[in-house]
Amino acid sequence: MSLPNTPFDPAREAALVTGAGNGIGHAIAQALIGEGVRSRETAAGEQKPPY
């Protein structure tokens, strides 16, 4: 297996962070955003009825 010869470019990367509601998941999501990585965060929680 060979490694890609292109360096990591945060502007071209994307991440899905689960458990980003609080704690370490939130910290990871914030760190990725701070580095310029496009991210989508998810967190389990109480769902509100669609009124």
PDB file of N, CA and C in Angstrom:
ATOM      1  N   MET A   1       0.850  -1.180   0.000  1.00  0.00           N
ATOM      2  CA  MET A   1       0.000   0.000   0.000  1.00  0.00           C
ATOM      3  C   MET A   1       0.892   1.238   0.000  1.00  0.00           C
ATOM      4  N   SER A   2       0.606   2.155  -0.868  1.00  0.00           N
ATOM      5  CA  SER A   2       1.405   3.380  -0.923  1.00  0.00           C
ATOM      6  C   SER A   2       0.585   4.565  -0.420  1.00  0.00           C
ATOM      7  N   LEU A   3       1.283   5.514   0.123  1.00  0.00           N
ATOM      8  CA  LEU A   3       0.644   6.728   0.612  1.00  0.00           C
ATOM      9  C   LEU A   3       0.508   7.730  -0.520  1.00  0.00           C
ATOM     10  N   PRO A   4      -0.531   8.560  -0.492  1.00  0.00           N
ATOM     11  CA  PRO A   4      -0.665   9.574  -1.536  1.00  0.00           C
ATOM     12  C   PRO A   4       0.504  10.554  -1.467  1.00  0.00           C
ATOM     13  N   ASN A   5       0.946  11.031  -2.612  1.00  0.00           N
ATOM     14  CA  ASN A   5       2.076  11.952  -2.621  1.00  0.00           C
ATOM     15  C   ASN A   5       1.648  13.412  -2.532  1.00  0.00           C
ATOM     16  N   THR A   6       0.370  13.664  -2.334  1.00  0.00           N
ATOM     17  CA  THR A   6      -0.103  15.037  -2.159  1.00  0.00           C
ATOM     18  C   THR A   6      -0.261  15.309  -0.669  1.00  0.00           C
ATOM     19  N   PRO A   7       0.181  16.463  -0.208  1.00  0.00           N
ATOM     20  CA  PRO A   7       0.050  16.780   1.216  1.00  0.00           C
ATOM     21  C   PRO A   7      -1.404  17.027   1.605  1.00  0.00           C
ATOM     22  N   PHE A   8      -1.675  16.942   2.889  1.00  0.00           N
ATOM     23  CA  PHE A   8      -3.011  17.199   3.425  1.00  0.00           C
ATOM     24  C   PHE A   8      -3.358  18.659   3.189  1.00  0.00           C
ATOM     25  N   ASP A   9      -4.489  18.909   2.540  1.00  0.00           N
ATOM     26  CA  ASP A   9      -4.954  20.270   2.277  1.00  0.00           C
ATOM     27  C   ASP A   9      -6.328  20.441   2.924  1.00  0.00           C
ATOM     28  N   PRO A  10      -6.394  21.113   4.082  1.00  0.00           N
ATOM     29  CA  PRO A  10      -7.668  21.247   4.789  1.00  0.00           C
ATOM     30  C   PRO A  10      -8.772  21.878   3.963  1.00  0.00           C
ATOM     31  N   ALA A  11      -8.429  22.739   3.036  1.00  0.00           N
ATOM     32  CA  ALA A  11      -9.447  23.402   2.219  1.00  0.00           C
ATOM     33  C   ALA A  11     -10.158  22.424   1.292  1.00  0.00           C
ATOM     34  N   ARG A  12      -9.525  21.279   0.999  1.00  0.00           N
ATOM     35  CA  ARG A  12     -10.130  20.293   0.106  1.00  0.00           C
ATOM     36  C   ARG A  12     -10.750  19.125   0.857  1.00  0.00           C
ATOM     37  N   GLU A  13     -10.584  19.066   2.156  1.00  0.00           N
ATOM     38  CA  GLU A  13     -11.063  17.931   2.938  1.00  0.00           C
ATOM     39  C   GLU A  13     -12.423  18.219   3.563  1.00  0.00           C
ATOM     40  N   ALA A  14     -13.130  17.160   3.899  1.00  0.00           N
ATOM     41  CA  ALA A  14     -14.418  17.272   4.591  1.00  0.00           C
ATOM     42  C   ALA A  14     -14.458  16.213   5.683  1.00  0.00           C
ATOM     43  N   ALA A  15     -15.210  16.492   6.753  1.00  0.00           N
ATOM     44  CA  ALA A  15     -15.297  15.553   7.866  1.00  0.00           C
ATOM     45  C   ALA A  15     -16.727  15.488   8.375  1.00  0.00           C
ATOM     46  N   LEU A  16     -17.098  14.317   8.823  1.00  0.00           N
ATOM     47  CA  LEU A  16     -18.369  14.112   9.510  1.00  0.00           C
ATOM     48  C   LEU A  16     -18.021  13.744  10.944  1.00  0.00           C
ATOM     49  N   VAL A  17     -18.438  14.576  11.879  1.00  0.00           N
ATOM     50  CA  VAL A  17     -18.126  14.349  13.286  1.00  0.00           C
ATOM     51  C   VAL A  17     -19.408  13.952  14.004  1.00  0.00           C
ATOM     52  N   THR A  18     -19.436  12.733  14.529  1.00  0.00           N
ATOM     53  CA  THR A  18     -20.594  12.292  15.296  1.00  0.00           C
ATOM     54  C   THR A  18     -20.335  12.573  16.770  1.00  0.00           C
ATOM     55  N   GLY A  19     -21.402  12.794  17.517  1.00  0.00           N
ATOM     56  CA  GLY A  19     -21.258  13.079  18.945  1.00  0.00           C
ATOM     57  C   GLY A  19     -20.718  14.471  19.201  1.00  0.00           C
ATOM     58  N   ALA A  20     -21.014  15.414  18.314  1.00  0.00           N
ATOM     59  CA  ALA A  20     -20.455  16.762  18.428  1.00  0.00           C
ATOM     60  C   ALA A  20     -21.285  17.681  19.314  1.00  0.00           C
ATOM     61  N   GLY A  21     -22.256  17.136  20.008  1.00  0.00           N
ATOM     62  CA  GLY A  21     -23.093  17.958  20.877  1.00  0.00           C
ATOM     63  C   GLY A  21     -22.353  18.522  22.068  1.00  0.00           C
ATOM     64  N   ASN A  22     -21.393  17.767  22.558  1.00  0.00           N
ATOM     65  CA  ASN A  22     -20.583  18.239  23.688  1.00  0.00           C
ATOM     66  C   ASN A  22     -19.363  17.342  23.843  1.00  0.00           C
ATOM     67  N   GLY A  23     -18.518  17.681  24.766  1.00  0.00           N
ATOM     68  CA  GLY A  23     -17.358  16.857  25.078  1.00  0.00           C
ATOM     69  C   GLY A  23     -16.337  16.791  23.968  1.00  0.00           C
ATOM     70  N   ILE A  24     -15.706  15.618  23.844  1.00  0.00           N
ATOM     71  CA  ILE A  24     -14.607  15.467  22.893  1.00  0.00           C
ATOM     72  C   ILE A  24     -15.070  15.601  21.443  1.00  0.00           C
ATOM     73  N   GLY A  25     -16.283  15.149  21.132  1.00  0.00           N
ATOM     74  CA  GLY A  25     -16.796  15.304  19.774  1.00  0.00           C
ATOM     75  C   GLY A  25     -16.910  16.769  19.384  1.00  0.00           C
ATOM     76  N   HIS A  26     -17.373  17.586  20.316  1.00  0.00           N
ATOM     77  CA  HIS A  26     -17.494  19.026  20.067  1.00  0.00           C
ATOM     78  C   HIS A  26     -16.109  19.643  19.881  1.00  0.00           C
ATOM     79  N   ALA A  27     -15.168  19.237  20.717  1.00  0.00           N
ATOM     80  CA  ALA A  27     -13.806  19.769  20.619  1.00  0.00           C
ATOM     81  C   ALA A  27     -13.161  19.392  19.290  1.00  0.00           C
ATOM     82  N   ILE A  28     -13.366  18.167  18.850  1.00  0.00           N
ATOM     83  CA  ILE A  28     -12.809  17.729  17.564  1.00  0.00           C
ATOM     84  C   ILE A  28     -13.415  18.528  16.422  1.00  0.00           C
ATOM     85  N   ALA A  29     -14.735  18.712  16.456  1.00  0.00           N
ATOM     86  CA  ALA A  29     -15.403  19.485  15.405  1.00  0.00           C
ATOM     87  C   ALA A  29     -14.866  20.912  15.356  1.00  0.00           C
ATOM     88  N   GLN A  30     -14.693  21.533  16.507  1.00  0.00           N
ATOM     89  CA  GLN A  30     -14.185  22.904  16.551  1.00  0.00           C
ATOM     90  C   GLN A  30     -12.749  22.977  16.047  1.00  0.00           C
ATOM     91  N   ALA A  31     -11.936  21.980  16.381  1.00  0.00           N
ATOM     92  CA  ALA A  31     -10.548  21.961  15.910  1.00  0.00           C
ATOM     93  C   ALA A  31     -10.487  21.819  14.388  1.00  0.00           C
ATOM     94  N   LEU A  32     -11.324  20.961  13.832  1.00  0.00           N
ATOM     95  CA  LEU A  32     -11.351  20.791  12.381  1.00  0.00           C
ATOM     96  C   LEU A  32     -11.787  22.077  11.683  1.00  0.00           C
ATOM     97  N   ILE A  33     -12.820  22.702  12.222  1.00  0.00           N
ATOM     98  CA  ILE A  33     -13.289  23.967  11.649  1.00  0.00           C
ATOM     99  C   ILE A  33     -12.188  25.020  11.728  1.00  0.00           C
ATOM    100  N   GLY A  34     -11.486  25.050  12.845  1.00  0.00           N
ATOM    101  CA  GLY A  34     -10.390  25.999  13.023  1.00  0.00           C
ATOM    102  C   GLY A  34      -9.268  25.805  12.015  1.00  0.00           C
ATOM    103  N   GLU A  35      -9.100  24.574  11.536  1.00  0.00           N
ATOM    104  CA  GLU A  35      -8.076  24.275  10.537  1.00  0.00           C
ATOM    105  C   GLU A  35      -8.581  24.463   9.111  1.00  0.00           C
ATOM    106  N   GLY A  36      -9.851  24.826   8.963  1.00  0.00           N
ATOM    107  CA  GLY A  36     -10.400  25.087   7.644  1.00  0.00           C
ATOM    108  C   GLY A  36     -11.042  23.889   6.973  1.00  0.00           C
ATOM    109  N   VAL A  37     -11.239  22.805   7.722  1.00  0.00           N
ATOM    110  CA  VAL A  37     -11.868  21.620   7.161  1.00  0.00           C
ATOM    111  C   VAL A  37     -13.380  21.817   7.175  1.00  0.00           C
ATOM    112  N   ARG A  38     -14.016  21.591   6.033  1.00  0.00           N
ATOM    113  CA  ARG A  38     -15.480  21.638   5.995  1.00  0.00           C
ATOM    114  C   ARG A  38     -15.990  20.490   6.841  1.00  0.00           C
ATOM    115  N   SER A  39     -16.959  20.762   7.687  1.00  0.00           N
ATOM    116  CA  SER A  39     -17.428  19.685   8.565  1.00  0.00           C
ATOM    117  C   SER A  39     -18.935  19.752   8.764  1.00  0.00           C
ATOM    118  N   ARG A  40     -19.463  18.608   9.110  1.00  0.00           N
ATOM    119  CA  ARG A  40     -20.876  18.477   9.464  1.00  0.00           C
ATOM    120  C   ARG A  40     -20.887  17.759  10.800  1.00  0.00           C
ATOM    121  N   GLU A  41     -21.581  18.331  11.747  1.00  0.00           N
ATOM    122  CA  GLU A  41     -21.633  17.748  13.075  1.00  0.00           C
ATOM    123  C   GLU A  41     -23.003  17.135  13.317  1.00  0.00           C
ATOM    124  N   THR A  42     -23.019  16.035  14.044  1.00  0.00           N
ATOM    125  CA  THR A  42     -24.273  15.415  14.440  1.00  0.00           C
ATOM    126  C   THR A  42     -24.239  15.131  15.927  1.00  0.00           C
ATOM    127  N   ALA A  43     -25.404  15.145  16.532  1.00  0.00           N
ATOM    128  CA  ALA A  43     -25.521  14.824  17.947  1.00  0.00           C
ATOM    129  C   ALA A  43     -26.889  14.199  18.196  1.00  0.00           C
ATOM    130  N   ALA A  44     -26.920  13.198  19.023  1.00  0.00           N
ATOM    131  CA  ALA A  44     -28.187  12.578  19.393  1.00  0.00           C
ATOM    132  C   ALA A  44     -28.877  13.493  20.400  1.00  0.00           C
ATOM    133  N   GLY A  45     -30.168  13.567  20.310  1.00  0.00           N
ATOM    134  CA  GLY A  45     -30.866  14.425  21.252  1.00  0.00           C
ATOM    135  C   GLY A  45     -32.369  14.238  21.142  1.00  0.00           C
ATOM    136  N   GLU A  46     -33.027  14.942  21.988  1.00  0.00           N
ATOM    137  CA  GLU A  46     -34.483  14.889  21.993  1.00  0.00           C
ATOM    138  C   GLU A  46     -35.015  15.565  20.736  1.00  0.00           C
ATOM    139  N   GLN A  47     -35.887  14.883  20.016  1.00  0.00           N
ATOM    140  CA  GLN A  47     -36.453  15.462  18.812  1.00  0.00           C
ATOM    141  C   GLN A  47     -37.759  16.179  19.148  1.00  0.00           C
ATOM    142  N   LYS A  48     -37.926  17.333  18.562  1.00  0.00           N
ATOM    143  CA  LYS A  48     -39.143  18.117  18.784  1.00  0.00           C
ATOM    144  C   LYS A  48     -40.165  17.749  17.722  1.00  0.00           C
ATOM    145  N   PRO A  49     -41.452  17.726  18.079  1.00  0.00           N
ATOM    146  CA  PRO A  49     -42.475  17.411  17.077  1.00  0.00           C
ATOM    147  C   PRO A  49     -42.534  18.495  16.000  1.00  0.00           C
ATOM    148  N   PRO A  50     -42.786  18.112  14.755  1.00  0.00           N
ATOM    149  CA  PRO A  50     -42.828  19.094  13.656  1.00  0.00           C
ATOM    150  C   PRO A  50     -44.133  19.881  13.641  1.00  0.00           C
ATOM    151  N   TYR A  51     -44.230  20.926  14.410  1.00  0.00           N
ATOM    152  CA  TYR A  51     -45.440  21.764  14.440  1.00  0.00           C
ATOM    153  C   TYR A  51     -45.351  22.844  13.410  1.00  0.00           C
TER     154      TYR A  51
END
